[in-house]
Structure formats: C-alpha cells, structure tokens
Amino acid sequence: MADFESLLTENYDGLTMQSGEICKKAVLNFIRQMKSLKDRDIIFIKKLTKVANHLRKAGELNGLEEKLYQFNMEGVEKLMANHIGLDEKCILNLKSHLFSYAGNSARAIFENTGDILWAKRRYDSYHTSAEIVRDSDLKHSAHAYSFAGESALIIFKNINEISWVEKGYQAYRNSADIFLKFNPKNSAHVFSHAGNSAELIGVQNRDKLYILRAIECYSNFLNYFETNPNSNVSLVMDKVRNNLRFVQIFLKSLSK
C-alpha cells in the first residue's frame, strides 16, 4: 500500500479511481486520530486539507469539521512565522487557500449548528483569503469575496445589524469589480447581489450614497444581459428592473 503522503499527492486534484477510496479512509482515520498538526510541515498540511476539501464535497466530513478548521488555522500560523524557506508569493497563495478551506469548514459547522460564531469565522476566513491574493490570483479572490458577501448577509439575517450588510455590499462589490476583468457574466450576477445590499442600506438609513450605488449595480447587471441575452435569467432581469425602478423612485423622495 502506498504511504499516506503519496496517497495525498495522488489524490490532490480529486479522488482517483485507482486509490481514491483508500485515500478517503486513510484521511478520515488520520483526522480522527490527530489532535494537532503543529509538528507537520506546511506542504503536508496543504495536501491534507486540500484532499479533505474533496471529501467535504462528497459529504464525508460529518463531525470532523471543527478539527479540520483547526488544522487549517495551524497551517496559517506556521506560515505567519515565515521560517519555512518558501518565497513570498508561494506563502501568500498557501495562506489564502488555507483561509478558504477554513471558511468551508466554518460554513459547514454553521449550517449544522446555527452558531453565529461560526458564521463570523466563515466571513472572516473568506474575506481574508480574498484580500491576501487580490493582486495575484484574481479568480480565487473574486470567488472568495463573493463567499464573504454571502456570509455577511447571513449574519445580518441572524442578528439584524446593518453593519453586516455594509460588509456584504463591499465584499460583493470587490468581487464584481474583480470578475469584470476576466468574467463579465459572473461580474454581472455579483453586481445584482451588491445592488440588493446597497438598496437595503440605502432604504433603511435613507442614505443617498447607497441608493446611488444600488442604481449603479443594478444598471451594470442589466446592461450586461441586455447586451448578451440569456433566457435563463429573464425572471431575474424582471426582478432587477423592478428593483431599479424602486430605488430610482426612492432617490427622488430623498430630494424632497
């Protein structure tokens, strides 16, 4: 049988037909048995958490998410020490992905428990992941900002603090602006979410700036799909048009 680290390497990009089942059992047993990874090197931690991420998608990590969150954060701590002989770009990439995996664990824990602490850890992890590689890995950063925006809005729905909508708007806006550089379709979709957040803030606080931001975001969404028609989003377009008309009317009311 292949040694454990070789199994991780072979299944790093996805569980293989050849050894995926063996790897799955080995990883689950390893996570159950280990209390900490502080004595393991960062490359091993990255391999383990990457493969564990594949297992999460297959619904195999029940009861192990808190420990996996811990393992990811231990990897971040090791990288923060910066005594491991890697160049700065590699360190930033590793750190960003470990934060992203930690966010995945926090998301799963929150969905299972409803504990708002894990929703906040979810937001913090995704947002930090996005910030770290904002200038070096546009695709990852755009997705992570979007996940952070979603997380912030979930927190708002649970505790009703408008500051979380502001965080959600900014994360969605960052995501949309980055996506615009290489994937305008995704950018348009995220602009609609940013518009929803800006509208909520603008109406609740009677804030003209956020109403203008909502108008801009909704317009960006509509401009893209009116130029690039897609029947699959026709209902969403109707909703966004209605939202746009509403905030335009609301803006006029603020001027009276």
C-alpha atoms as a PDB file:
ATOM      1  CA  MET A   1       0.000   0.000   0.000  1.00  0.00           C
ATOM      2  CA  ALA A   2       1.239   3.491  -0.827  1.00  0.00           C
ATOM      3  CA  ASP A   3       2.360   5.628   2.113  1.00  0.00           C
ATOM      4  CA  PHE A   4      -0.042   8.272   3.387  1.00  0.00           C
ATOM      5  CA  GLU A   5       1.626  11.325   1.882  1.00  0.00           C
ATOM      6  CA  SER A   6       1.867   9.607  -1.504  1.00  0.00           C
ATOM      7  CA  LEU A   7      -1.872   8.975  -1.338  1.00  0.00           C
ATOM      8  CA  LEU A   8      -2.445  12.664  -0.652  1.00  0.00           C
ATOM      9  CA  THR A   9      -0.274  13.636  -3.613  1.00  0.00           C
ATOM     10  CA  GLU A  10      -2.028  11.197  -5.955  1.00  0.00           C
ATOM     11  CA  ASN A  11      -5.485  12.443  -4.922  1.00  0.00           C
ATOM     12  CA  TYR A  12      -4.599  16.119  -4.557  1.00  0.00           C
ATOM     13  CA  ASP A  13      -6.629  17.318  -7.542  1.00  0.00           C
ATOM     14  CA  GLY A  14      -9.506  14.935  -6.878  1.00  0.00           C
ATOM     15  CA  LEU A  15     -10.099  11.391  -5.675  1.00  0.00           C
ATOM     16  CA  THR A  16      -8.793   8.983  -8.305  1.00  0.00           C
ATOM     17  CA  MET A  17     -10.256   5.699  -9.487  1.00  0.00           C
ATOM     18  CA  GLN A  18      -7.035   3.944  -8.531  1.00  0.00           C
ATOM     19  CA  SER A  19      -6.641   4.979  -4.902  1.00  0.00           C
ATOM     20  CA  GLY A  20      -9.455   7.381  -4.052  1.00  0.00           C
ATOM     21  CA  GLU A  21     -11.336   5.019  -1.742  1.00  0.00           C
ATOM     22  CA  ILE A  22      -8.169   4.010   0.106  1.00  0.00           C
ATOM     23  CA  CYS A  23      -7.185   7.660   0.418  1.00  0.00           C
ATOM     24  CA  LYS A  24     -10.615   8.639   1.749  1.00  0.00           C
ATOM     25  CA  LYS A  25     -10.465   6.071   4.554  1.00  0.00           C
ATOM     26  CA  ALA A  26      -6.875   6.987   5.399  1.00  0.00           C
ATOM     27  CA  VAL A  27      -7.644  10.716   5.561  1.00  0.00           C
ATOM     28  CA  LEU A  28     -10.739  10.252   7.727  1.00  0.00           C
ATOM     29  CA  ASN A  29      -8.840   7.989  10.131  1.00  0.00           C
ATOM     30  CA  PHE A  30      -5.939  10.427  10.260  1.00  0.00           C
ATOM     31  CA  ILE A  31      -8.158  13.409  11.069  1.00  0.00           C
ATOM     32  CA  ARG A  32      -9.962  11.443  13.791  1.00  0.00           C
ATOM     33  CA  GLN A  33      -6.703  10.354  15.417  1.00  0.00           C
ATOM     34  CA  MET A  34      -4.660  13.565  15.255  1.00  0.00           C
ATOM     35  CA  LYS A  35      -5.071  16.287  17.886  1.00  0.00           C
ATOM     36  CA  SER A  36      -2.843  18.813  16.141  1.00  0.00           C
ATOM     37  CA  LEU A  37      -0.697  19.314  13.036  1.00  0.00           C
ATOM     38  CA  LYS A  38       1.678  21.824  14.614  1.00  0.00           C
ATOM     39  CA  ASP A  39       4.589  19.416  14.197  1.00  0.00           C
ATOM     40  CA  ARG A  40       3.856  18.784  10.496  1.00  0.00           C
ATOM     41  CA  ASP A  41       5.344  20.774   7.619  1.00  0.00           C
ATOM     42  CA  ILE A  42       3.184  23.211   5.682  1.00  0.00           C
ATOM     43  CA  ILE A  43       3.217  21.233   2.430  1.00  0.00           C
ATOM     44  CA  PHE A  44       1.783  18.206   4.228  1.00  0.00           C
ATOM     45  CA  ILE A  45      -0.912  20.369   5.855  1.00  0.00           C
ATOM     46  CA  LYS A  46      -1.853  21.857   2.478  1.00  0.00           C
ATOM     47  CA  LYS A  47      -2.099  18.416   0.868  1.00  0.00           C
ATOM     48  CA  LEU A  48      -4.214  17.033   3.698  1.00  0.00           C
ATOM     49  CA  THR A  49      -6.627  19.970   3.812  1.00  0.00           C
ATOM     50  CA  LYS A  50      -6.942  20.015   0.013  1.00  0.00           C
ATOM     51  CA  VAL A  51      -7.909  16.346  -0.116  1.00  0.00           C
ATOM     52  CA  ALA A  52     -10.217  16.817   2.883  1.00  0.00           C
ATOM     53  CA  ASN A  53     -11.934  19.548   0.888  1.00  0.00           C
ATOM     54  CA  HIS A  54     -12.738  16.942  -1.776  1.00  0.00           C
ATOM     55  CA  LEU A  55     -14.214  14.712   0.933  1.00  0.00           C
ATOM     56  CA  ARG A  56     -16.409  17.561   2.177  1.00  0.00           C
ATOM     57  CA  LYS A  57     -17.949  17.925  -1.256  1.00  0.00           C
ATOM     58  CA  ALA A  58     -18.801  14.222  -1.073  1.00  0.00           C
ATOM     59  CA  GLY A  59     -20.404  14.670   2.369  1.00  0.00           C
ATOM     60  CA  GLU A  60     -17.758  12.617   4.175  1.00  0.00           C
ATOM     61  CA  LEU A  61     -16.633  15.004   6.941  1.00  0.00           C
ATOM     62  CA  ASN A  62     -19.514  14.853   9.411  1.00  0.00           C
ATOM     63  CA  GLY A  63     -18.219  15.514  12.923  1.00  0.00           C
ATOM     64  CA  LEU A  64     -14.711  16.402  11.746  1.00  0.00           C
ATOM     65  CA  GLU A  65     -15.130  19.990  10.557  1.00  0.00           C
ATOM     66  CA  GLU A  66     -14.002  21.718  13.772  1.00  0.00           C
ATOM     67  CA  LYS A  67     -10.789  19.718  13.807  1.00  0.00           C
ATOM     68  CA  LEU A  68     -10.207  20.447  10.128  1.00  0.00           C
ATOM     69  CA  TYR A  69     -10.813  24.158  10.751  1.00  0.00           C
ATOM     70  CA  GLN A  70      -8.168  23.932  13.484  1.00  0.00           C
ATOM     71  CA  PHE A  71      -5.715  22.186  11.146  1.00  0.00           C
ATOM     72  CA  ASN A  72      -6.113  24.915   8.533  1.00  0.00           C
ATOM     73  CA  MET A  73      -5.536  27.655  11.074  1.00  0.00           C
ATOM     74  CA  GLU A  74      -2.464  25.842  12.383  1.00  0.00           C
ATOM     75  CA  GLY A  75      -1.166  25.930   8.828  1.00  0.00           C
ATOM     76  CA  VAL A  76      -1.800  29.684   8.702  1.00  0.00           C
ATOM     77  CA  GLU A  77       0.079  30.145  11.984  1.00  0.00           C
ATOM     78  CA  LYS A  78       3.019  28.205  10.594  1.00  0.00           C
ATOM     79  CA  LEU A  79       3.056  30.426   7.504  1.00  0.00           C
ATOM     80  CA  MET A  80       2.838  33.577   9.637  1.00  0.00           C
ATOM     81  CA  ALA A  81       6.106  32.549  11.276  1.00  0.00           C
ATOM     82  CA  ASN A  82       7.674  32.634   7.775  1.00  0.00           C
ATOM     83  CA  HIS A  83      10.536  30.334   8.722  1.00  0.00           C
ATOM     84  CA  ILE A  84       9.907  27.639   6.119  1.00  0.00           C
ATOM     85  CA  GLY A  85      12.095  28.576   3.152  1.00  0.00           C
ATOM     86  CA  LEU A  86       9.308  29.460   0.697  1.00  0.00           C
ATOM     87  CA  ASP A  87       9.167  32.589  -1.436  1.00  0.00           C
ATOM     88  CA  GLU A  88       6.652  35.321  -0.608  1.00  0.00           C
ATOM     89  CA  LYS A  89       4.283  34.574  -3.490  1.00  0.00           C
ATOM     90  CA  CYS A  90       4.055  30.905  -2.516  1.00  0.00           C
ATOM     91  CA  ILE A  91       3.435  31.840   1.121  1.00  0.00           C
ATOM     92  CA  LEU A  92       0.600  34.195   0.165  1.00  0.00           C
ATOM     93  CA  ASN A  93      -1.006  31.573  -2.077  1.00  0.00           C
ATOM     94  CA  LEU A  94      -0.815  28.872   0.587  1.00  0.00           C
ATOM     95  CA  LYS A  95      -2.145  31.212   3.255  1.00  0.00           C
ATOM     96  CA  SER A  96      -5.064  32.303   1.075  1.00  0.00           C
ATOM     97  CA  HIS A  97      -6.104  28.745   0.281  1.00  0.00           C
ATOM     98  CA  LEU A  98      -5.849  27.623   3.907  1.00  0.00           C
ATOM     99  CA  PHE A  99      -8.119  30.510   4.935  1.00  0.00           C
ATOM    100  CA  SER A 100     -10.519  29.487   2.172  1.00  0.00           C
ATOM    101  CA  TYR A 101     -10.606  25.876   3.383  1.00  0.00           C
ATOM    102  CA  ALA A 102     -11.134  27.158   6.940  1.00  0.00           C
ATOM    103  CA  GLY A 103     -14.081  29.147   5.605  1.00  0.00           C
ATOM    104  CA  ASN A 104     -15.514  25.985   4.069  1.00  0.00           C
ATOM    105  CA  SER A 105     -15.307  24.234   7.436  1.00  0.00           C
ATOM    106  CA  ALA A 106     -16.837  27.206   9.258  1.00  0.00           C
ATOM    107  CA  ARG A 107     -19.672  27.278   6.728  1.00  0.00           C
ATOM    108  CA  ALA A 108     -20.413  23.576   7.271  1.00  0.00           C
ATOM    109  CA  ILE A 109     -20.337  23.974  11.051  1.00  0.00           C
ATOM    110  CA  PHE A 110     -22.665  26.981  10.968  1.00  0.00           C
ATOM    111  CA  GLU A 111     -25.103  25.165   8.697  1.00  0.00           C
ATOM    112  CA  ASN A 112     -25.153  22.233  11.126  1.00  0.00           C
ATOM    113  CA  THR A 113     -25.300  24.215  14.383  1.00  0.00           C
ATOM    114  CA  GLY A 114     -26.673  27.686  13.645  1.00  0.00           C
ATOM    115  CA  ASP A 115     -23.942  29.075  15.931  1.00  0.00           C
ATOM    116  CA  ILE A 116     -23.354  32.665  14.799  1.00  0.00           C
ATOM    117  CA  LEU A 117     -19.710  32.473  15.913  1.00  0.00           C
ATOM    118  CA  TRP A 118     -19.053  30.094  13.030  1.00  0.00           C
ATOM    119  CA  ALA A 119     -20.879  32.362  10.590  1.00  0.00           C
ATOM    120  CA  LYS A 120     -18.495  35.153  11.613  1.00  0.00           C
ATOM    121  CA  ARG A 121     -15.485  32.847  11.275  1.00  0.00           C
ATOM    122  CA  ARG A 122     -16.823  31.920   7.845  1.00  0.00           C
ATOM    123  CA  TYR A 123     -16.936  35.587   6.805  1.00  0.00           C
ATOM    124  CA  ASP A 124     -13.512  36.368   8.295  1.00  0.00           C
ATOM    125  CA  SER A 125     -11.887  33.366   6.624  1.00  0.00           C
ATOM    126  CA  TYR A 126     -13.252  34.033   3.140  1.00  0.00           C
ATOM    127  CA  HIS A 127     -12.638  37.777   3.350  1.00  0.00           C
ATOM    128  CA  THR A 128      -9.047  37.304   4.493  1.00  0.00           C
ATOM    129  CA  SER A 129      -8.480  34.709   1.773  1.00  0.00           C
ATOM    130  CA  ALA A 130      -9.702  37.178  -0.853  1.00  0.00           C
ATOM    131  CA  GLU A 131      -7.627  40.080   0.466  1.00  0.00           C
ATOM    132  CA  ILE A 132      -4.386  38.105   0.525  1.00  0.00           C
ATOM    133  CA  VAL A 133      -4.368  37.333  -3.219  1.00  0.00           C
ATOM    134  CA  ARG A 134      -6.356  40.287  -4.539  1.00  0.00           C
ATOM    135  CA  ASP A 135      -3.466  41.340  -6.771  1.00  0.00           C
ATOM    136  CA  SER A 136      -2.031  37.910  -7.603  1.00  0.00           C
ATOM    137  CA  ASP A 137      -4.902  35.423  -8.057  1.00  0.00           C
ATOM    138  CA  LEU A 138      -7.913  37.266  -9.461  1.00  0.00           C
ATOM    139  CA  LYS A 139     -10.120  34.198  -9.907  1.00  0.00           C
ATOM    140  CA  HIS A 140      -9.681  32.949  -6.359  1.00  0.00           C
ATOM    141  CA  SER A 141     -10.014  36.420  -4.877  1.00  0.00           C
ATOM    142  CA  ALA A 142     -13.230  37.160  -6.784  1.00  0.00           C
ATOM    143  CA  HIS A 143     -14.858  33.926  -5.641  1.00  0.00           C
ATOM    144  CA  ALA A 144     -13.709  34.345  -2.028  1.00  0.00           C
ATOM    145  CA  TYR A 145     -15.050  37.918  -1.868  1.00  0.00           C
ATOM    146  CA  SER A 146     -18.385  36.636  -3.162  1.00  0.00           C
ATOM    147  CA  PHE A 147     -18.482  33.947  -0.450  1.00  0.00           C
ATOM    148  CA  ALA A 148     -17.638  36.620   2.127  1.00  0.00           C
ATOM    149  CA  GLY A 149     -20.522  38.771   0.876  1.00  0.00           C
ATOM    150  CA  GLU A 150     -22.922  35.865   1.167  1.00  0.00           C
ATOM    151  CA  SER A 151     -21.629  35.144   4.674  1.00  0.00           C
ATOM    152  CA  ALA A 152     -22.102  38.738   5.804  1.00  0.00           C
ATOM    153  CA  LEU A 153     -25.726  38.784   4.641  1.00  0.00           C
ATOM    154  CA  ILE A 154     -26.416  35.537   6.501  1.00  0.00           C
ATOM    155  CA  ILE A 155     -25.038  37.114   9.673  1.00  0.00           C
ATOM    156  CA  PHE A 156     -27.268  40.161   9.150  1.00  0.00           C
ATOM    157  CA  LYS A 157     -30.338  37.951   8.819  1.00  0.00           C
ATOM    158  CA  ASN A 158     -29.481  36.345  12.146  1.00  0.00           C
ATOM    159  CA  ILE A 159     -28.530  39.389  14.245  1.00  0.00           C
ATOM    160  CA  ASN A 160     -30.061  42.314  12.301  1.00  0.00           C
ATOM    161  CA  GLU A 161     -27.030  44.599  12.473  1.00  0.00           C
ATOM    162  CA  ILE A 162     -26.868  46.796   9.372  1.00  0.00           C
ATOM    163  CA  SER A 163     -23.064  46.965   9.557  1.00  0.00           C
ATOM    164  CA  TRP A 164     -23.023  43.406   8.236  1.00  0.00           C
ATOM    165  CA  VAL A 165     -24.961  44.479   5.154  1.00  0.00           C
ATOM    166  CA  GLU A 166     -22.317  47.151   4.595  1.00  0.00           C
ATOM    167  CA  LYS A 167     -19.634  44.455   4.804  1.00  0.00           C
ATOM    168  CA  GLY A 168     -21.662  42.307   2.447  1.00  0.00           C
ATOM    169  CA  TYR A 169     -22.012  45.140  -0.061  1.00  0.00           C
ATOM    170  CA  GLN A 170     -18.289  45.869  -0.039  1.00  0.00           C
ATOM    171  CA  ALA A 171     -17.336  42.206  -0.428  1.00  0.00           C
ATOM    172  CA  TYR A 172     -19.797  41.729  -3.308  1.00  0.00           C
ATOM    173  CA  ARG A 173     -18.622  44.952  -4.922  1.00  0.00           C
ATOM    174  CA  ASN A 174     -14.985  43.877  -4.685  1.00  0.00           C
ATOM    175  CA  SER A 175     -15.921  40.525  -6.216  1.00  0.00           C
ATOM    176  CA  ALA A 176     -17.876  42.123  -9.075  1.00  0.00           C
ATOM    177  CA  ASP A 177     -15.093  44.587  -9.861  1.00  0.00           C
ATOM    178  CA  ILE A 178     -12.502  41.801  -9.996  1.00  0.00           C
ATOM    179  CA  PHE A 179     -14.694  39.449 -12.045  1.00  0.00           C
ATOM    180  CA  LEU A 180     -15.215  42.289 -14.520  1.00  0.00           C
ATOM    181  CA  LYS A 181     -11.560  41.952 -15.523  1.00  0.00           C
ATOM    182  CA  PHE A 182     -11.913  38.390 -16.795  1.00  0.00           C
ATOM    183  CA  ASN A 183     -15.505  37.120 -16.456  1.00  0.00           C
ATOM    184  CA  PRO A 184     -18.105  39.867 -17.126  1.00  0.00           C
ATOM    185  CA  LYS A 185     -21.009  37.408 -16.867  1.00  0.00           C
ATOM    186  CA  ASN A 186     -20.098  36.442 -13.302  1.00  0.00           C
ATOM    187  CA  SER A 187     -19.463  40.108 -12.586  1.00  0.00           C
ATOM    188  CA  ALA A 188     -22.997  40.987 -13.671  1.00  0.00           C
ATOM    189  CA  HIS A 189     -24.517  38.372 -11.370  1.00  0.00           C
ATOM    190  CA  VAL A 190     -22.485  39.573  -8.400  1.00  0.00           C
ATOM    191  CA  PHE A 191     -23.396  43.194  -9.157  1.00  0.00           C
ATOM    192  CA  SER A 192     -27.053  42.221  -8.638  1.00  0.00           C
ATOM    193  CA  HIS A 193     -26.199  40.951  -5.140  1.00  0.00           C
ATOM    194  CA  ALA A 194     -24.224  44.112  -4.404  1.00  0.00           C
ATOM    195  CA  GLY A 195     -27.243  46.110  -5.572  1.00  0.00           C
ATOM    196  CA  ASN A 196     -29.545  44.244  -3.188  1.00  0.00           C
ATOM    197  CA  SER A 197     -27.225  45.036  -0.279  1.00  0.00           C
ATOM    198  CA  ALA A 198     -26.842  48.686  -1.255  1.00  0.00           C
ATOM    199  CA  GLU A 199     -30.620  49.038  -1.623  1.00  0.00           C
ATOM    200  CA  LEU A 200     -31.231  47.568   1.835  1.00  0.00           C
ATOM    201  CA  ILE A 201     -28.773  50.002   3.439  1.00  0.00           C
ATOM    202  CA  GLY A 202     -29.980  52.974   1.422  1.00  0.00           C
ATOM    203  CA  VAL A 203     -33.647  52.436   2.250  1.00  0.00           C
ATOM    204  CA  GLN A 204     -33.135  51.621   5.916  1.00  0.00           C
ATOM    205  CA  ASN A 205     -30.778  54.550   6.524  1.00  0.00           C
ATOM    206  CA  ARG A 206     -32.268  56.867   3.880  1.00  0.00           C
ATOM    207  CA  ASP A 207     -28.722  57.082   2.560  1.00  0.00           C
ATOM    208  CA  LYS A 208     -28.462  58.713  -0.868  1.00  0.00           C
ATOM    209  CA  LEU A 209     -24.961  57.368  -1.498  1.00  0.00           C
ATOM    210  CA  TYR A 210     -26.079  53.755  -1.107  1.00  0.00           C
ATOM    211  CA  ILE A 211     -29.161  54.326  -3.247  1.00  0.00           C
ATOM    212  CA  LEU A 212     -26.876  55.623  -5.998  1.00  0.00           C
ATOM    213  CA  ARG A 213     -24.673  52.572  -5.528  1.00  0.00           C
ATOM    214  CA  ALA A 214     -27.732  50.325  -5.867  1.00  0.00           C
ATOM    215  CA  ILE A 215     -28.695  52.079  -9.103  1.00  0.00           C
ATOM    216  CA  GLU A 216     -25.174  51.618 -10.452  1.00  0.00           C
ATOM    217  CA  CYS A 217     -25.031  47.913  -9.538  1.00  0.00           C
ATOM    218  CA  TYR A 218     -28.483  47.085 -10.919  1.00  0.00           C
ATOM    219  CA  SER A 219     -27.659  49.003 -14.095  1.00  0.00           C
ATOM    220  CA  ASN A 220     -24.414  47.055 -14.533  1.00  0.00           C
ATOM    221  CA  PHE A 221     -26.342  43.782 -14.293  1.00  0.00           C
ATOM    222  CA  LEU A 222     -28.991  44.883 -16.780  1.00  0.00           C
ATOM    223  CA  ASN A 223     -26.501  46.388 -19.222  1.00  0.00           C
ATOM    224  CA  TYR A 224     -24.643  43.096 -19.477  1.00  0.00           C
ATOM    225  CA  PHE A 225     -27.664  40.851 -20.014  1.00  0.00           C
ATOM    226  CA  GLU A 226     -29.423  43.276 -22.329  1.00  0.00           C
ATOM    227  CA  THR A 227     -26.278  43.206 -24.476  1.00  0.00           C
ATOM    228  CA  ASN A 228     -25.824  39.438 -24.005  1.00  0.00           C
ATOM    229  CA  PRO A 229     -29.366  37.984 -23.902  1.00  0.00           C
ATOM    230  CA  ASN A 230     -29.882  34.807 -21.869  1.00  0.00           C
ATOM    231  CA  SER A 231     -33.348  33.314 -21.454  1.00  0.00           C
ATOM    232  CA  ASN A 232     -32.256  31.582 -18.247  1.00  0.00           C
ATOM    233  CA  VAL A 233     -32.051  34.905 -16.414  1.00  0.00           C
ATOM    234  CA  SER A 234     -35.222  36.520 -17.754  1.00  0.00           C
ATOM    235  CA  LEU A 235     -37.022  36.251 -14.402  1.00  0.00           C
ATOM    236  CA  VAL A 236     -34.010  37.654 -12.565  1.00  0.00           C
ATOM    237  CA  MET A 237     -33.867  40.524 -15.053  1.00  0.00           C
ATOM    238  CA  ASP A 238     -37.522  41.349 -14.370  1.00  0.00           C
ATOM    239  CA  LYS A 239     -36.809  41.421 -10.651  1.00  0.00           C
ATOM    240  CA  VAL A 240     -33.744  43.629 -11.072  1.00  0.00           C
ATOM    241  CA  ARG A 241     -35.680  46.016 -13.332  1.00  0.00           C
ATOM    242  CA  ASN A 242     -38.339  46.321 -10.622  1.00  0.00           C
ATOM    243  CA  ASN A 243     -35.656  46.912  -8.000  1.00  0.00           C
ATOM    244  CA  LEU A 244     -34.055  49.565 -10.191  1.00  0.00           C
ATOM    245  CA  ARG A 245     -37.353  51.377 -10.694  1.00  0.00           C
ATOM    246  CA  PHE A 246     -37.983  51.292  -6.947  1.00  0.00           C
ATOM    247  CA  VAL A 247     -34.620  52.782  -5.952  1.00  0.00           C
ATOM    248  CA  GLN A 248     -34.912  55.449  -8.657  1.00  0.00           C
ATOM    249  CA  ILE A 249     -38.282  56.496  -7.202  1.00  0.00           C
ATOM    250  CA  PHE A 250     -36.867  56.302  -3.685  1.00  0.00           C
ATOM    251  CA  LEU A 251     -33.983  58.554  -4.707  1.00  0.00           C
ATOM    252  CA  LYS A 252     -36.435  61.210  -5.817  1.00  0.00           C
ATOM    253  CA  SER A 253     -38.180  61.017  -2.441  1.00  0.00           C
ATOM    254  CA  LEU A 254     -34.896  61.781  -0.700  1.00  0.00           C
ATOM    255  CA  SER A 255     -34.609  65.037  -2.630  1.00  0.00           C
ATOM    256  CA  LYS A 256     -37.966  66.373  -1.436  1.00  0.00           C
END
